[in-house]
Amino acid sequence: MFSNKVKLSLFLCLSMCLGIGILRFSYTALLPTTRLAYEWSTQFSSILGSANLLGYLIGAFWAMKLPQNPSMSKFILSAAFAGSISLLSCAFSDFSASWYIFWRVISGVSGGLLMILAPSVVAQCSIPEERLTINFIGFSGIGIGVLLATLFLPYLDRISTQSAWLILFGFALLISLILMYLLKIFQSHLSNLPSNTHALTTVNGMYFSLLIVYASSAFAYVPHSLFWIDYLKNTLHLNLYHINFNWILYGSGSALGAISAYILARKLGHFTALKILYSLYVGAIFIAIFQFNPILTYISSFLTGLLNPAVVFLTSYTIMHLYGLAYKKLWSFATLSFAITQLIGGLCFSGLQHLGVSYHQQFILASVVLGLGTLQFFIYAQIKQADPNSQL
């Protein structure tokens, strides 16, 4: 009834929705109310955030080591269902600290596996002419997942924290069941992989330049992804309406991120689009330090929400476009680098909080790191433009 292109787009969209949108960002959305309901300290909340980042690192490393064969579908399904259970586990209070730490790690592992394995399935089961469209639709799932995590935020003063986590579990379980159905369709494609899919294309300096700026974005987005709601509530002292509106703007931006990058790439080319997106990302993080006008907070919420999936999608597609069959290995390494830098960032920013460093100073640090990463990408791209045969 539906074409292979539509099925692959839906598969990747749901995988990103679950792996990154729901398993990753639901914690950020529900952190303030969960912390109050379960009587968690700020320090323990930060530990749980770091546990998720550690899990993501483990998942990315694990995915990189997995063979590129039909067994990938089993790991995708295991990640989807385990991630769903991790949401269910957060619906109950009065468990020991180790219970929540364990399941936040599992949530991260699931996200890391889905982030690498799902696009790899698409790379193998699609024709090159359709990959840009499939990937832009698929990576839009990140924003859709964030939006799902925000749907009931305006009603958190009317429903219990447990109900919110159970709703997310219901979304995740439904997505997992659909993924199980879709993977059965792709199984024949995965079973007929040519033997040369393991061949590794020689990489050049462009890949490493992409790697650096992508890893820089991992460090820079930690304050918004982990502490943004807490910052709005406990530093800016915004009421529930304004907090919800900021987060809905974040989710709306996330939903538009991939399509914005797609349109920009079609008009200006991949590298020009990436330079624009990463530059905007620096500014979006930096303006969070200004609180004299609520509009600046709204802009920061919307743009950081938009730019995270935008740069993830376009960086992933650029690697696929440049290196073809080597995509899984190179995207795995990029995701692993992202996860390592993200974990370092999580530990760094949690430590800075413990030392009393303000959120404003943390946003400045984040924007400076991403600014340096973007600068080297500009310089390398300029060198390549001046001398396309350069091996730098």
Protein backbone atom coordinates (compact mmCIF):
# COMPACT_ATOMS: atom_id res chain seq x y z
CA MET A 1 0.00 0.00 0.00
CA PHE A 2 2.84 2.39 0.86
CA SER A 3 6.10 2.73 -1.04
CA ASN A 4 9.42 1.64 0.42
CA LYS A 5 10.38 5.33 0.66
CA VAL A 6 7.37 6.11 2.86
CA LYS A 7 7.99 3.09 5.09
CA LEU A 8 11.67 3.95 5.55
CA SER A 9 10.78 7.57 6.32
CA LEU A 10 8.25 6.44 8.94
CA PHE A 11 10.69 3.94 10.41
CA LEU A 12 13.46 6.51 10.82
CA CYS A 13 11.04 9.17 12.07
CA LEU A 14 9.66 6.90 14.80
CA SER A 15 13.15 5.67 15.77
CA MET A 16 14.40 9.25 16.22
CA CYS A 17 11.16 10.24 17.95
CA LEU A 18 11.63 7.51 20.53
CA GLY A 19 15.41 7.34 20.83
CA ILE A 20 16.15 11.05 21.09
CA GLY A 21 12.89 12.97 21.38
CA ILE A 22 11.16 10.93 24.08
CA LEU A 23 13.89 8.94 25.86
CA ARG A 24 16.19 11.96 26.01
CA PHE A 25 14.08 15.09 26.36
CA SER A 26 11.16 13.83 28.41
CA TYR A 27 13.42 13.91 31.47
CA THR A 28 14.21 17.58 30.87
CA ALA A 29 10.53 18.45 30.46
CA LEU A 30 9.41 16.61 33.59
CA LEU A 31 12.45 17.30 35.78
CA PRO A 32 11.03 20.17 37.89
CA THR A 33 7.77 18.42 38.79
CA THR A 34 9.42 15.00 39.22
CA ARG A 35 12.07 16.49 41.50
CA LEU A 36 9.41 18.02 43.71
CA ALA A 37 7.14 14.98 43.70
CA TYR A 38 9.93 12.50 44.45
CA GLU A 39 11.87 14.89 46.70
CA TRP A 40 15.08 14.63 44.68
CA SER A 41 17.92 17.03 45.39
CA THR A 42 19.39 19.20 42.66
CA GLN A 43 22.59 17.16 42.88
CA PHE A 44 20.76 13.84 42.38
CA SER A 45 18.84 15.30 39.42
CA SER A 46 22.17 16.21 37.82
CA ILE A 47 23.49 12.70 38.50
CA LEU A 48 20.49 11.23 36.67
CA GLY A 49 21.13 13.54 33.73
CA SER A 50 24.76 12.39 33.61
CA ALA A 51 23.64 8.75 33.89
CA ASN A 52 21.59 9.20 30.73
CA LEU A 53 24.58 10.71 28.94
CA LEU A 54 26.75 7.79 30.08
CA GLY A 55 24.16 5.37 28.73
CA TYR A 56 24.12 7.20 25.40
CA LEU A 57 27.89 6.81 25.21
CA ILE A 58 27.64 3.09 25.96
CA GLY A 59 24.91 2.68 23.34
CA ALA A 60 26.90 4.55 20.69
CA PHE A 61 30.03 2.46 21.36
CA TRP A 62 28.01 -0.76 21.31
CA ALA A 63 26.31 0.18 18.03
CA MET A 64 29.65 0.95 16.42
CA LYS A 65 30.87 -2.58 17.20
CA LEU A 66 27.76 -4.35 15.90
CA PRO A 67 28.02 -6.05 12.50
CA GLN A 68 26.16 -4.54 9.57
CA ASN A 69 23.78 -7.47 9.06
CA PRO A 70 20.16 -8.51 9.80
CA SER A 71 20.90 -8.76 13.54
CA MET A 72 20.67 -4.96 13.68
CA SER A 73 16.88 -5.25 13.69
CA LYS A 74 16.98 -7.29 16.91
CA PHE A 75 19.07 -4.66 18.65
CA ILE A 76 16.78 -1.86 17.42
CA LEU A 77 13.73 -3.64 18.85
CA SER A 78 15.49 -4.47 22.12
CA ALA A 79 16.51 -0.81 22.46
CA ALA A 80 12.96 0.39 21.74
CA PHE A 81 11.26 -1.87 24.28
CA ALA A 82 13.97 -1.43 26.95
CA GLY A 83 13.73 2.35 26.51
CA SER A 84 9.95 2.17 26.91
CA ILE A 85 10.34 0.25 30.19
CA SER A 86 12.80 2.90 31.40
CA LEU A 87 9.99 5.47 31.13
CA LEU A 88 7.64 3.20 33.05
CA SER A 89 10.25 2.83 35.80
CA CYS A 90 10.20 6.59 36.41
CA ALA A 91 6.45 6.55 37.05
CA PHE A 92 6.93 5.24 40.59
CA SER A 93 8.45 7.03 43.57
CA ASP A 94 10.05 5.68 46.75
CA PHE A 95 12.55 3.43 44.95
CA SER A 96 16.24 3.57 45.80
CA ALA A 97 18.55 5.97 44.01
CA SER A 98 20.23 3.09 42.16
CA TRP A 99 16.87 2.15 40.57
CA TYR A 100 16.50 5.50 38.83
CA ILE A 101 20.19 5.68 37.90
CA PHE A 102 20.04 2.21 36.31
CA TRP A 103 17.00 3.02 34.21
CA ARG A 104 18.30 6.40 33.10
CA VAL A 105 21.44 4.59 31.90
CA ILE A 106 19.26 2.08 30.03
CA SER A 107 17.33 4.96 28.48
CA GLY A 108 20.60 6.44 27.22
CA VAL A 109 21.85 3.09 25.88
CA SER A 110 18.59 2.69 23.94
CA GLY A 111 18.91 6.19 22.48
CA GLY A 112 22.51 5.58 21.38
CA LEU A 113 21.63 2.31 19.65
CA LEU A 114 18.63 3.81 17.84
CA MET A 115 20.58 6.90 16.78
CA ILE A 116 23.15 4.80 14.88
CA LEU A 117 21.36 1.64 13.82
CA ALA A 118 18.13 3.17 12.46
CA PRO A 119 19.87 5.54 9.95
CA SER A 120 22.16 2.63 8.99
CA VAL A 121 19.12 0.53 8.04
CA VAL A 122 17.89 3.43 5.90
CA ALA A 123 21.29 3.76 4.21
CA GLN A 124 21.18 0.09 3.21
CA CYS A 125 17.51 -0.19 2.21
CA SER A 126 17.14 3.05 0.21
CA ILE A 127 18.43 4.24 -3.14
CA PRO A 128 20.83 7.26 -3.09
CA GLU A 129 18.35 9.58 -4.85
CA GLU A 130 15.81 9.19 -2.02
CA ARG A 131 18.12 9.44 0.98
CA LEU A 132 17.99 13.20 1.49
CA THR A 133 14.18 13.21 1.62
CA ILE A 134 14.00 10.10 3.81
CA ASN A 135 16.55 11.49 6.24
CA PHE A 136 14.93 14.89 6.56
CA ILE A 137 11.55 13.28 7.29
CA GLY A 138 13.20 10.75 9.60
CA PHE A 139 15.22 13.21 11.66
CA SER A 140 12.11 15.35 12.09
CA GLY A 141 11.16 12.61 14.54
CA ILE A 142 13.48 14.20 17.11
CA GLY A 143 11.27 17.28 17.20
CA ILE A 144 8.06 15.26 17.15
CA GLY A 145 9.32 13.35 20.20
CA VAL A 146 10.07 16.60 22.01
CA LEU A 147 6.57 17.84 21.14
CA LEU A 148 5.04 14.63 22.54
CA ALA A 149 6.94 15.28 25.76
CA THR A 150 5.39 18.77 25.92
CA LEU A 151 1.77 17.94 25.09
CA PHE A 152 0.69 17.60 28.69
CA LEU A 153 2.97 20.25 30.22
CA PRO A 154 0.13 22.81 30.45
CA TYR A 155 -1.81 20.25 32.51
CA LEU A 156 0.93 19.28 34.98
CA ASP A 157 -0.84 21.24 37.69
CA ARG A 158 -3.91 19.00 37.12
CA ILE A 159 -2.39 15.54 36.57
CA SER A 160 0.11 13.66 38.68
CA THR A 161 3.76 13.18 37.81
CA GLN A 162 3.10 9.45 37.65
CA SER A 163 0.40 9.96 35.03
CA ALA A 164 2.78 12.04 32.90
CA TRP A 165 5.40 9.28 32.88
CA LEU A 166 2.74 6.65 32.13
CA ILE A 167 1.51 8.69 29.15
CA LEU A 168 5.05 8.80 27.77
CA PHE A 169 5.39 5.06 28.34
CA GLY A 170 2.19 4.54 26.31
CA PHE A 171 3.59 6.63 23.43
CA ALA A 172 6.89 4.72 23.54
CA LEU A 173 5.25 1.29 23.63
CA LEU A 174 3.05 2.14 20.64
CA ILE A 175 6.09 3.34 18.67
CA SER A 176 8.00 0.16 19.57
CA LEU A 177 5.18 -2.02 18.23
CA ILE A 178 5.08 -0.10 14.95
CA LEU A 179 8.88 -0.43 14.61
CA MET A 180 8.55 -4.17 15.11
CA TYR A 181 6.09 -4.32 12.21
CA LEU A 182 8.24 -2.17 9.90
CA LEU A 183 11.45 -4.08 10.60
CA LYS A 184 9.81 -7.29 9.40
CA ILE A 185 9.35 -5.58 6.03
CA PHE A 186 13.02 -4.53 5.80
CA GLN A 187 14.40 -7.87 6.94
CA SER A 188 14.76 -9.17 3.37
CA HIS A 189 16.80 -6.09 2.39
CA LEU A 190 19.13 -6.60 5.33
CA SER A 191 19.49 -10.30 4.54
CA ASN A 192 20.73 -9.53 1.03
CA LEU A 193 23.56 -7.15 1.90
CA PRO A 194 26.47 -7.33 -0.55
CA SER A 195 29.72 -8.49 0.96
CA ASN A 196 31.47 -5.17 0.35
CA THR A 197 29.26 -3.19 2.76
CA HIS A 198 32.07 -3.45 5.30
CA ALA A 199 34.53 -1.65 3.03
CA LEU A 200 35.74 1.60 4.54
CA THR A 201 36.24 4.62 2.32
CA THR A 202 39.36 6.65 3.06
CA VAL A 203 38.33 9.74 4.98
CA ASN A 204 39.82 13.19 4.51
CA GLY A 205 40.10 16.34 6.55
CA MET A 206 36.51 17.34 5.86
CA TYR A 207 35.26 14.41 7.92
CA PHE A 208 37.46 15.38 10.88
CA SER A 209 36.38 19.02 10.59
CA LEU A 210 32.74 17.89 10.66
CA LEU A 211 33.58 15.68 13.63
CA ILE A 212 35.03 18.59 15.61
CA VAL A 213 32.14 20.98 15.06
CA TYR A 214 29.58 18.22 15.68
CA ALA A 215 31.27 17.27 18.95
CA SER A 216 31.39 20.97 19.91
CA SER A 217 27.62 21.15 19.48
CA ALA A 218 27.29 18.18 21.84
CA PHE A 219 29.06 20.10 24.59
CA ALA A 220 27.22 23.33 23.85
CA TYR A 221 23.68 22.00 23.96
CA VAL A 222 24.02 20.37 27.39
CA PRO A 223 22.79 23.40 29.42
CA HIS A 224 19.63 23.73 27.32
CA SER A 225 18.94 20.01 27.14
CA LEU A 226 19.50 19.26 30.83
CA PHE A 227 18.90 22.45 32.78
CA TRP A 228 16.76 24.77 30.64
CA ILE A 229 13.48 24.22 32.50
CA ASP A 230 15.26 24.41 35.85
CA TYR A 231 16.90 27.67 34.74
CA LEU A 232 13.57 29.17 33.72
CA LYS A 233 11.90 28.15 36.97
CA ASN A 234 14.55 28.62 39.64
CA THR A 235 16.78 31.36 38.16
CA LEU A 236 14.36 33.47 36.13
CA HIS A 237 11.45 32.54 38.46
CA LEU A 238 8.99 32.31 35.60
CA ASN A 239 5.50 31.04 36.29
CA LEU A 240 4.15 27.76 34.89
CA TYR A 241 2.56 29.46 31.87
CA HIS A 242 5.83 31.04 30.68
CA ILE A 243 7.82 27.88 31.39
CA ASN A 244 5.37 25.80 29.37
CA PHE A 245 5.38 28.35 26.55
CA ASN A 246 9.19 28.30 26.38
CA TRP A 247 9.25 24.51 26.28
CA ILE A 248 6.50 24.35 23.65
CA LEU A 249 8.56 26.79 21.56
CA TYR A 250 11.54 24.47 22.03
CA GLY A 251 9.47 21.52 20.88
CA SER A 252 7.99 23.44 17.94
CA GLY A 253 11.46 24.48 16.86
CA SER A 254 12.62 20.87 17.11
CA ALA A 255 9.79 19.74 14.85
CA LEU A 256 10.89 22.29 12.22
CA GLY A 257 14.63 21.66 12.53
CA ALA A 258 15.14 18.95 9.93
CA ILE A 259 12.90 20.53 7.31
CA SER A 260 14.65 23.91 7.80
CA ALA A 261 18.02 22.25 7.22
CA TYR A 262 16.60 20.38 4.21
CA ILE A 263 15.33 23.56 2.54
CA LEU A 264 18.58 25.39 3.27
CA ALA A 265 20.70 22.52 1.92
CA ARG A 266 18.65 22.29 -1.28
CA LYS A 267 19.08 26.02 -1.93
CA LEU A 268 22.64 26.66 -0.76
CA GLY A 269 24.37 23.27 -0.62
CA HIS A 270 25.26 21.11 2.37
CA PHE A 271 28.39 22.91 3.54
CA THR A 272 27.02 26.45 3.28
CA ALA A 273 23.88 25.33 5.09
CA LEU A 274 25.93 23.72 7.85
CA LYS A 275 27.99 26.89 8.33
CA ILE A 276 24.84 28.99 8.65
CA LEU A 277 23.16 26.55 11.05
CA TYR A 278 26.16 26.17 13.36
CA SER A 279 26.67 29.96 13.42
CA LEU A 280 23.04 30.53 14.37
CA TYR A 281 23.41 27.86 17.05
CA VAL A 282 26.20 29.87 18.72
CA GLY A 283 23.98 32.95 18.86
CA ALA A 284 20.92 31.02 20.05
CA ILE A 285 22.82 29.71 23.08
CA PHE A 286 24.51 33.03 23.85
CA ILE A 287 21.32 35.14 23.95
CA ALA A 288 20.05 32.98 26.83
CA ILE A 289 22.19 35.12 29.16
CA PHE A 290 20.00 38.18 28.48
CA GLN A 291 16.91 38.32 30.66
CA PHE A 292 15.84 41.95 30.29
CA ASN A 293 13.21 40.93 27.73
CA PRO A 294 11.22 37.67 27.72
CA ILE A 295 11.30 37.64 23.91
CA LEU A 296 15.01 36.76 24.00
CA THR A 297 14.27 33.72 26.12
CA TYR A 298 11.55 32.71 23.66
CA ILE A 299 13.95 33.11 20.73
CA SER A 300 16.62 31.05 22.50
CA SER A 301 14.09 28.30 23.24
CA PHE A 302 12.82 28.16 19.67
CA LEU A 303 16.21 28.37 17.94
CA THR A 304 18.05 25.88 20.15
CA GLY A 305 15.13 23.50 19.69
CA LEU A 306 15.28 23.98 15.92
CA LEU A 307 19.05 23.87 15.49
CA ASN A 308 19.85 20.70 17.41
CA PRO A 309 17.95 18.32 15.07
CA ALA A 310 18.90 20.53 12.10
CA VAL A 311 22.64 20.07 12.58
CA VAL A 312 22.27 16.40 13.56
CA PHE A 313 20.29 15.65 10.40
CA LEU A 314 22.52 17.60 8.01
CA THR A 315 25.77 16.37 9.54
CA SER A 316 24.52 12.79 9.31
CA TYR A 317 23.36 13.20 5.71
CA THR A 318 26.59 14.94 4.67
CA ILE A 319 28.61 11.99 5.99
CA MET A 320 26.29 9.59 4.14
CA HIS A 321 26.56 11.66 0.95
CA LEU A 322 30.36 11.90 1.07
CA TYR A 323 31.30 8.40 2.21
CA GLY A 324 28.51 6.08 1.04
CA LEU A 325 28.95 2.50 2.26
CA ALA A 326 31.26 3.63 5.06
CA TYR A 327 28.35 5.59 6.58
CA LYS A 328 27.57 3.24 9.49
CA LYS A 329 31.16 3.16 10.73
CA LEU A 330 31.75 6.89 10.26
CA TRP A 331 28.37 7.93 11.68
CA SER A 332 28.98 5.57 14.60
CA PHE A 333 32.29 7.28 15.29
CA ALA A 334 30.67 10.72 14.98
CA THR A 335 27.89 9.72 17.38
CA LEU A 336 30.45 8.21 19.77
CA SER A 337 32.44 11.47 19.69
CA PHE A 338 29.20 13.37 20.28
CA ALA A 339 28.35 11.10 23.22
CA ILE A 340 31.81 11.40 24.80
CA THR A 341 31.80 15.19 24.50
CA GLN A 342 28.22 15.32 25.74
CA LEU A 343 29.11 13.26 28.81
CA ILE A 344 32.14 15.45 29.50
CA GLY A 345 29.86 18.47 29.11
CA GLY A 346 27.27 16.99 31.46
CA LEU A 347 29.89 16.29 34.13
CA CYS A 348 31.49 19.68 33.55
CA PHE A 349 28.28 21.66 33.86
CA SER A 350 27.09 19.60 36.83
CA GLY A 351 30.43 20.31 38.51
CA LEU A 352 30.16 24.00 37.73
CA GLN A 353 26.71 24.04 39.30
CA HIS A 354 28.12 22.38 42.42
CA LEU A 355 30.81 25.08 42.54
CA GLY A 356 28.17 27.80 42.33
CA VAL A 357 28.85 28.92 38.75
CA SER A 358 25.75 30.66 37.42
CA TYR A 359 23.69 29.46 34.49
CA HIS A 360 24.60 32.65 32.63
CA GLN A 361 28.30 31.80 32.84
CA GLN A 362 27.54 28.25 31.70
CA PHE A 363 25.71 29.54 28.62
CA ILE A 364 28.71 31.74 27.79
CA LEU A 365 31.06 28.75 28.08
CA ALA A 366 28.79 26.64 25.87
CA SER A 367 28.60 29.31 23.16
CA VAL A 368 32.38 29.87 23.20
CA VAL A 369 33.11 26.15 22.74
CA LEU A 370 30.66 25.88 19.84
CA GLY A 371 32.00 29.13 18.40
CA LEU A 372 35.53 27.72 18.28
CA GLY A 373 34.29 24.51 16.66
CA THR A 374 32.35 26.50 14.07
CA LEU A 375 35.35 28.74 13.38
CA GLN A 376 37.60 25.79 12.49
CA PHE A 377 34.88 24.43 10.20
CA PHE A 378 34.71 27.81 8.43
CA ILE A 379 38.49 27.90 8.04
CA TYR A 380 38.70 24.36 6.68
CA ALA A 381 35.80 24.88 4.28
CA GLN A 382 37.46 28.08 3.02
CA ILE A 383 40.74 26.24 2.42
CA LYS A 384 38.93 23.48 0.55
CA GLN A 385 37.07 26.03 -1.55
CA ALA A 386 40.32 27.78 -2.45
CA ASP A 387 42.10 24.47 -3.19
CA PRO A 388 39.70 21.55 -3.75
CA ASN A 389 42.65 19.13 -4.12
CA SER A 390 44.02 19.98 -0.71
CA GLN A 391 44.42 16.91 1.56
CA LEU A 392 44.18 18.92 4.76
